[in-house]
C-alpha atoms as a PDB file:
ATOM      1  CA  UNK A   1     -57.963  64.714 189.068  1.00  0.00           C
ATOM      2  CA  UNK A   2     -60.484  62.281 187.662  1.00  0.00           C
ATOM      3  CA  UNK A   3     -63.045  60.778 189.972  1.00  0.00           C
ATOM      4  CA  UNK A   4     -62.722  57.103 190.829  1.00  0.00           C
ATOM      5  CA  UNK A   5     -65.686  54.863 191.568  1.00  0.00           C
ATOM      6  CA  UNK A   6     -64.976  51.689 193.580  1.00  0.00           C
ATOM      7  CA  UNK A   7     -67.625  49.263 194.813  1.00  0.00           C
ATOM      8  CA  UNK A   8     -67.359  46.401 197.275  1.00  0.00           C
ATOM      9  CA  UNK A   9     -69.499  43.301 196.974  1.00  0.00           C
ATOM     10  CA  UNK A  10     -69.849  39.988 198.738  1.00  0.00           C
ATOM     11  CA  UNK A  11     -71.999  38.066 201.155  1.00  0.00           C
ATOM     12  CA  UNK A  12     -72.872  39.115 204.661  1.00  0.00           C
ATOM     13  CA  UNK A  13     -69.889  39.144 207.011  1.00  0.00           C
ATOM     14  CA  UNK A  14     -67.277  39.191 204.233  1.00  0.00           C
ATOM     15  CA  UNK A  15     -65.536  42.285 205.586  1.00  0.00           C
ATOM     16  CA  UNK A  16     -66.646  44.983 203.147  1.00  0.00           C
ATOM     17  CA  UNK A  17     -66.808  47.696 205.815  1.00  0.00           C
ATOM     18  CA  UNK A  18     -63.288  46.943 207.044  1.00  0.00           C
ATOM     19  CA  UNK A  19     -61.808  47.065 203.562  1.00  0.00           C
ATOM     20  CA  UNK A  20     -63.703  50.235 202.702  1.00  0.00           C
ATOM     21  CA  UNK A  21     -62.205  51.898 205.798  1.00  0.00           C
ATOM     22  CA  UNK A  22     -58.665  50.777 204.976  1.00  0.00           C
ATOM     23  CA  UNK A  23     -59.038  51.890 201.374  1.00  0.00           C
ATOM     24  CA  UNK A  24     -60.377  55.268 202.470  1.00  0.00           C
ATOM     25  CA  UNK A  25     -57.348  55.770 204.726  1.00  0.00           C
ATOM     26  CA  UNK A  26     -54.981  54.836 201.892  1.00  0.00           C
ATOM     27  CA  UNK A  27     -56.510  57.293 199.442  1.00  0.00           C
ATOM     28  CA  UNK A  28     -56.585  60.044 202.051  1.00  0.00           C
ATOM     29  CA  UNK A  29     -52.878  59.478 202.741  1.00  0.00           C
ATOM     30  CA  UNK A  30     -52.329  60.368 199.086  1.00  0.00           C
ATOM     31  CA  UNK A  31     -54.264  63.597 199.436  1.00  0.00           C
ATOM     32  CA  UNK A  32     -57.448  62.408 197.727  1.00  0.00           C
ATOM     33  CA  UNK A  33     -60.920  63.459 198.802  1.00  0.00           C
ATOM     34  CA  UNK A  34     -62.998  60.359 199.574  1.00  0.00           C
ATOM     35  CA  UNK A  35     -66.727  59.803 199.798  1.00  0.00           C
ATOM     36  CA  UNK A  36     -67.797  56.676 201.685  1.00  0.00           C
ATOM     37  CA  UNK A  37     -71.323  55.525 200.987  1.00  0.00           C
ATOM     38  CA  UNK A  38     -73.560  52.478 200.741  1.00  0.00           C
ATOM     39  CA  UNK A  39     -76.641  51.037 199.108  1.00  0.00           C
ATOM     40  CA  UNK A  40     -79.317  51.188 200.162  1.00  0.00           C
ATOM     41  CA  UNK A  41     -79.158  54.181 202.459  1.00  0.00           C
ATOM     42  CA  UNK A  42     -76.629  56.631 201.021  1.00  0.00           C
ATOM     43  CA  UNK A  43     -79.117  59.516 200.819  1.00  0.00           C
ATOM     44  CA  UNK A  44     -82.004  60.746 203.008  1.00  0.00           C
ATOM     45  CA  UNK A  45     -84.456  59.021 200.679  1.00  0.00           C
ATOM     46  CA  UNK A  46     -82.222  55.952 200.712  1.00  0.00           C
ATOM     47  CA  UNK A  47     -82.387  55.761 204.504  1.00  0.00           C
ATOM     48  CA  UNK A  48     -86.164  55.480 204.278  1.00  0.00           C
ATOM     49  CA  UNK A  49     -85.966  52.871 201.517  1.00  0.00           C
ATOM     50  CA  UNK A  50     -83.376  50.892 203.497  1.00  0.00           C
ATOM     51  CA  UNK A  51     -85.740  50.711 206.426  1.00  0.00           C
ATOM     52  CA  UNK A  52     -88.496  49.411 204.156  1.00  0.00           C
ATOM     53  CA  UNK A  53     -86.528  46.756 202.283  1.00  0.00           C
ATOM     54  CA  UNK A  54     -84.402  45.460 205.153  1.00  0.00           C
ATOM     55  CA  UNK A  55     -86.531  45.914 208.257  1.00  0.00           C
ATOM     56  CA  UNK A  56     -90.167  45.839 207.170  1.00  0.00           C
ATOM     57  CA  UNK A  57     -92.157  43.255 209.123  1.00  0.00           C
ATOM     58  CA  UNK A  58     -94.664  42.712 206.335  1.00  0.00           C
ATOM     59  CA  UNK A  59     -94.249  40.746 203.129  1.00  0.00           C
ATOM     60  CA  UNK A  60     -92.613  42.591 200.228  1.00  0.00           C
ATOM     61  CA  UNK A  61     -93.213  41.241 196.739  1.00  0.00           C
ATOM     62  CA  UNK A  62     -90.001  40.306 194.940  1.00  0.00           C
ATOM     63  CA  UNK A  63     -90.622  42.793 192.126  1.00  0.00           C
ATOM     64  CA  UNK A  64     -91.462  45.544 194.580  1.00  0.00           C
ATOM     65  CA  UNK A  65     -88.197  44.782 196.378  1.00  0.00           C
ATOM     66  CA  UNK A  66     -86.193  45.069 193.163  1.00  0.00           C
ATOM     67  CA  UNK A  67     -87.909  48.330 192.247  1.00  0.00           C
ATOM     68  CA  UNK A  68     -87.251  49.823 195.689  1.00  0.00           C
ATOM     69  CA  UNK A  69     -83.554  49.060 195.333  1.00  0.00           C
ATOM     70  CA  UNK A  70     -83.580  50.608 191.867  1.00  0.00           C
ATOM     71  CA  UNK A  71     -85.304  53.745 193.184  1.00  0.00           C
ATOM     72  CA  UNK A  72     -82.679  54.079 195.911  1.00  0.00           C
ATOM     73  CA  UNK A  73     -79.940  53.575 193.322  1.00  0.00           C
ATOM     74  CA  UNK A  74     -81.299  56.205 190.936  1.00  0.00           C
ATOM     75  CA  UNK A  75     -81.465  58.840 193.689  1.00  0.00           C
ATOM     76  CA  UNK A  76     -78.104  57.854 195.131  1.00  0.00           C
ATOM     77  CA  UNK A  77     -76.157  57.981 191.884  1.00  0.00           C
ATOM     78  CA  UNK A  78     -77.756  61.182 190.616  1.00  0.00           C
ATOM     79  CA  UNK A  79     -77.539  63.218 193.826  1.00  0.00           C
ATOM     80  CA  UNK A  80     -74.392  61.891 195.513  1.00  0.00           C
ATOM     81  CA  UNK A  81     -72.125  59.705 193.392  1.00  0.00           C
ATOM     82  CA  UNK A  82     -72.082  61.539 190.062  1.00  0.00           C
ATOM     83  CA  UNK A  83     -71.494  64.967 191.672  1.00  0.00           C
ATOM     84  CA  UNK A  84     -68.626  63.532 193.744  1.00  0.00           C
ATOM     85  CA  UNK A  85     -67.014  61.953 190.683  1.00  0.00           C
ATOM     86  CA  UNK A  86     -67.418  65.192 188.739  1.00  0.00           C
ATOM     87  CA  UNK A  87     -65.508  66.948 191.537  1.00  0.00           C
ATOM     88  CA  UNK A  88     -62.627  64.483 191.171  1.00  0.00           C
ATOM     89  CA  UNK A  89     -63.363  62.600 194.406  1.00  0.00           C
ATOM     90  CA  UNK A  90     -62.925  58.912 195.134  1.00  0.00           C
ATOM     91  CA  UNK A  91     -66.232  57.192 195.842  1.00  0.00           C
ATOM     92  CA  UNK A  92     -65.986  53.971 197.871  1.00  0.00           C
ATOM     93  CA  UNK A  93     -69.346  52.271 197.968  1.00  0.00           C
ATOM     94  CA  UNK A  94     -70.647  49.265 199.902  1.00  0.00           C
ATOM     95  CA  UNK A  95     -72.822  47.377 197.353  1.00  0.00           C
ATOM     96  CA  UNK A  96     -74.084  48.453 193.944  1.00  0.00           C
ATOM     97  CA  UNK A  97     -76.136  46.895 191.154  1.00  0.00           C
ATOM     98  CA  UNK A  98     -74.209  43.600 191.267  1.00  0.00           C
ATOM     99  CA  UNK A  99     -75.919  42.968 194.607  1.00  0.00           C
ATOM    100  CA  UNK A 100     -79.330  43.453 193.011  1.00  0.00           C
ATOM    101  CA  UNK A 101     -78.404  41.077 190.199  1.00  0.00           C
ATOM    102  CA  UNK A 102     -77.231  38.452 192.712  1.00  0.00           C
ATOM    103  CA  UNK A 103     -79.971  38.818 195.323  1.00  0.00           C
ATOM    104  CA  UNK A 104     -83.050  39.769 193.312  1.00  0.00           C
ATOM    105  CA  UNK A 105     -82.073  38.671 189.830  1.00  0.00           C
ATOM    106  CA  UNK A 106     -80.681  35.242 190.695  1.00  0.00           C
ATOM    107  CA  UNK A 107     -81.627  34.269 194.245  1.00  0.00           C
ATOM    108  CA  UNK A 108     -85.159  35.674 193.888  1.00  0.00           C
ATOM    109  CA  UNK A 109     -85.461  34.323 190.318  1.00  0.00           C
ATOM    110  CA  UNK A 110     -86.400  37.654 188.741  1.00  0.00           C
ATOM    111  CA  UNK A 111     -83.813  37.296 185.977  1.00  0.00           C
ATOM    112  CA  UNK A 112     -80.236  38.560 186.110  1.00  0.00           C
ATOM    113  CA  UNK A 113     -80.407  40.414 182.791  1.00  0.00           C
ATOM    114  CA  UNK A 114     -83.730  42.055 183.666  1.00  0.00           C
ATOM    115  CA  UNK A 115     -82.505  43.322 187.028  1.00  0.00           C
ATOM    116  CA  UNK A 116     -79.168  44.482 185.589  1.00  0.00           C
ATOM    117  CA  UNK A 117     -81.001  46.362 182.858  1.00  0.00           C
ATOM    118  CA  UNK A 118     -83.250  48.045 185.413  1.00  0.00           C
ATOM    119  CA  UNK A 119     -80.238  49.196 187.421  1.00  0.00           C
ATOM    120  CA  UNK A 120     -78.355  50.476 184.393  1.00  0.00           C
ATOM    121  CA  UNK A 121     -81.436  52.454 183.347  1.00  0.00           C
ATOM    122  CA  UNK A 122     -81.746  53.861 186.873  1.00  0.00           C
ATOM    123  CA  UNK A 123     -78.105  54.961 186.932  1.00  0.00           C
ATOM    124  CA  UNK A 124     -77.750  56.028 183.295  1.00  0.00           C
ATOM    125  CA  UNK A 125     -75.250  53.207 182.729  1.00  0.00           C
ATOM    126  CA  UNK A 126     -72.709  54.193 185.377  1.00  0.00           C
ATOM    127  CA  UNK A 127     -70.179  51.381 185.881  1.00  0.00           C
ATOM    128  CA  UNK A 128     -67.555  51.244 188.647  1.00  0.00           C
ATOM    129  CA  UNK A 129     -63.879  51.563 187.800  1.00  0.00           C
ATOM    130  CA  UNK A 130     -63.285  48.565 190.070  1.00  0.00           C
ATOM    131  CA  UNK A 131     -65.573  46.129 191.858  1.00  0.00           C
ATOM    132  CA  UNK A 132     -63.977  44.239 194.743  1.00  0.00           C
ATOM    133  CA  UNK A 133     -65.663  40.917 195.474  1.00  0.00           C
ATOM    134  CA  UNK A 134     -64.838  39.538 198.918  1.00  0.00           C
ATOM    135  CA  UNK A 135     -65.691  35.865 198.630  1.00  0.00           C
ATOM    136  CA  UNK A 136     -66.552  33.959 201.800  1.00  0.00           C
ATOM    137  CA  UNK A 137     -68.485  30.785 202.469  1.00  0.00           C
ATOM    138  CA  UNK A 138     -72.023  31.212 203.737  1.00  0.00           C
ATOM    139  CA  UNK A 139     -71.143  29.334 206.931  1.00  0.00           C
ATOM    140  CA  UNK A 140     -68.160  31.556 207.699  1.00  0.00           C
ATOM    141  CA  UNK A 141     -70.106  34.702 206.968  1.00  0.00           C
ATOM    142  CA  UNK A 142     -72.962  33.675 209.244  1.00  0.00           C
ATOM    143  CA  UNK A 143     -70.503  32.743 212.006  1.00  0.00           C
ATOM    144  CA  UNK A 144     -68.891  36.192 211.810  1.00  0.00           C
ATOM    145  CA  UNK A 145     -72.256  37.919 212.126  1.00  0.00           C
ATOM    146  CA  UNK A 146     -73.291  35.746 215.045  1.00  0.00           C
ATOM    147  CA  UNK A 147     -69.993  36.407 216.815  1.00  0.00           C
ATOM    148  CA  UNK A 148     -70.762  40.121 216.584  1.00  0.00           C
ATOM    149  CA  UNK A 149     -74.210  39.531 218.034  1.00  0.00           C
ATOM    150  CA  UNK A 150     -75.803  41.072 214.966  1.00  0.00           C
ATOM    151  CA  UNK A 151     -79.556  41.053 214.591  1.00  0.00           C
ATOM    152  CA  UNK A 152     -80.316  39.733 211.102  1.00  0.00           C
ATOM    153  CA  UNK A 153     -82.258  41.876 208.632  1.00  0.00           C
ATOM    154  CA  UNK A 154     -84.737  40.487 206.070  1.00  0.00           C
ATOM    155  CA  UNK A 155     -82.088  39.356 203.610  1.00  0.00           C
ATOM    156  CA  UNK A 156     -79.578  38.115 206.172  1.00  0.00           C
ATOM    157  CA  UNK A 157     -82.330  35.962 207.678  1.00  0.00           C
ATOM    158  CA  UNK A 158     -82.938  34.069 204.422  1.00  0.00           C
ATOM    159  CA  UNK A 159     -82.090  30.355 204.340  1.00  0.00           C
ATOM    160  CA  UNK A 160     -78.563  29.148 203.629  1.00  0.00           C
ATOM    161  CA  UNK A 161     -79.596  27.885 200.178  1.00  0.00           C
ATOM    162  CA  UNK A 162     -80.625  31.441 199.234  1.00  0.00           C
ATOM    163  CA  UNK A 163     -77.233  32.791 200.245  1.00  0.00           C
ATOM    164  CA  UNK A 164     -75.433  29.993 198.398  1.00  0.00           C
ATOM    165  CA  UNK A 165     -77.172  31.139 195.222  1.00  0.00           C
ATOM    166  CA  UNK A 166     -76.126  34.711 195.947  1.00  0.00           C
ATOM    167  CA  UNK A 167     -72.498  33.678 196.415  1.00  0.00           C
ATOM    168  CA  UNK A 168     -72.429  31.715 193.174  1.00  0.00           C
ATOM    169  CA  UNK A 169     -74.112  34.582 191.340  1.00  0.00           C
ATOM    170  CA  UNK A 170     -71.371  36.973 192.483  1.00  0.00           C
ATOM    171  CA  UNK A 171     -68.684  34.562 191.286  1.00  0.00           C
ATOM    172  CA  UNK A 172     -70.422  34.177 187.926  1.00  0.00           C
ATOM    173  CA  UNK A 173     -70.639  37.952 187.528  1.00  0.00           C
ATOM    174  CA  UNK A 174     -66.945  38.307 188.294  1.00  0.00           C
ATOM    175  CA  UNK A 175     -66.015  35.579 185.826  1.00  0.00           C
ATOM    176  CA  UNK A 176     -67.983  37.371 183.105  1.00  0.00           C
ATOM    177  CA  UNK A 177     -66.262  40.738 183.725  1.00  0.00           C
ATOM    178  CA  UNK A 178     -62.708  40.037 184.934  1.00  0.00           C
ATOM    179  CA  UNK A 179     -61.520  43.464 183.807  1.00  0.00           C
ATOM    180  CA  UNK A 180     -63.893  45.148 186.287  1.00  0.00           C
ATOM    181  CA  UNK A 181     -63.794  42.681 189.179  1.00  0.00           C
ATOM    182  CA  UNK A 182     -61.121  41.778 191.690  1.00  0.00           C
ATOM    183  CA  UNK A 183     -62.054  38.554 193.487  1.00  0.00           C
ATOM    184  CA  UNK A 184     -60.391  37.954 196.850  1.00  0.00           C
ATOM    185  CA  UNK A 185     -60.569  35.141 199.377  1.00  0.00           C
ATOM    186  CA  UNK A 186     -62.108  36.911 202.367  1.00  0.00           C
ATOM    187  CA  UNK A 187     -60.596  34.430 204.844  1.00  0.00           C
ATOM    188  CA  UNK A 188     -57.276  36.250 204.417  1.00  0.00           C
ATOM    189  CA  UNK A 189     -56.215  38.855 206.959  1.00  0.00           C
ATOM    190  CA  UNK A 190     -57.560  42.394 206.502  1.00  0.00           C
ATOM    191  CA  UNK A 191     -54.015  43.603 205.847  1.00  0.00           C
ATOM    192  CA  UNK A 192     -53.418  41.020 203.102  1.00  0.00           C
ATOM    193  CA  UNK A 193     -56.708  41.896 201.437  1.00  0.00           C
ATOM    194  CA  UNK A 194     -55.947  45.624 201.594  1.00  0.00           C
ATOM    195  CA  UNK A 195     -52.527  45.040 200.019  1.00  0.00           C
ATOM    196  CA  UNK A 196     -54.066  43.052 197.165  1.00  0.00           C
ATOM    197  CA  UNK A 197     -56.586  45.828 196.515  1.00  0.00           C
ATOM    198  CA  UNK A 198     -53.872  48.483 196.429  1.00  0.00           C
ATOM    199  CA  UNK A 199     -51.781  46.361 194.083  1.00  0.00           C
ATOM    200  CA  UNK A 200     -54.683  46.040 191.637  1.00  0.00           C
ATOM    201  CA  UNK A 201     -55.340  49.772 191.728  1.00  0.00           C
ATOM    202  CA  UNK A 202     -51.683  50.617 191.146  1.00  0.00           C
ATOM    203  CA  UNK A 203     -51.259  48.172 188.271  1.00  0.00           C
ATOM    204  CA  UNK A 204     -54.524  48.857 186.457  1.00  0.00           C
ATOM    205  CA  UNK A 205     -54.197  52.495 185.453  1.00  0.00           C
ATOM    206  CA  UNK A 206     -57.263  53.457 187.503  1.00  0.00           C
ATOM    207  CA  UNK A 207     -55.205  55.909 189.536  1.00  0.00           C
ATOM    208  CA  UNK A 208     -54.365  58.134 186.578  1.00  0.00           C
ATOM    209  CA  UNK A 209     -54.808  61.784 187.504  1.00  0.00           C
ATOM    210  CA  UNK A 210     -56.168  62.886 184.115  1.00  0.00           C
ATOM    211  CA  UNK A 211     -59.811  63.946 184.134  1.00  0.00           C
END
């Protein structure tokens, strides 16, 4: 079987973890081996980088932040994702380079094309078979996090205007690559969202078993 690479994107509180879990269960019910992972933090090195970029108390320069994410991504793809895909596994990943484009490229004003190019260089141009964008208003996302009593990390603690730019950047990315993205209204029930994701996978040819 060919490996399948699926990424989930969206603002904080959009429900990426829930949908990743439901999608993992669905693939496993079909006898597929699944690797669940995330960025940053999908490797031992990534765990250290995640702590730096999300929980550091000191100031991190915007370019340093982008480079740390790229370093995590290079290690993650080379040591975990590519080997899993080569073994015919399904990789379901929480965030990928689209997050860097939205957060650092657009919201931090580093340049979307520059940050995308950095990520593609770091990953040797690996693109997902499908990117699921769970779209949710900034207000609703923040309310969900607060209801869970979550302590905000460095990015989650940014002002609402920052997160509005991130949301619009995601939507712009999806509009530019409709063949790769599936955009869903994250206010729908988890079951409705999961059904829409399965429908896209079944109708797109991504599930072909040929290597």
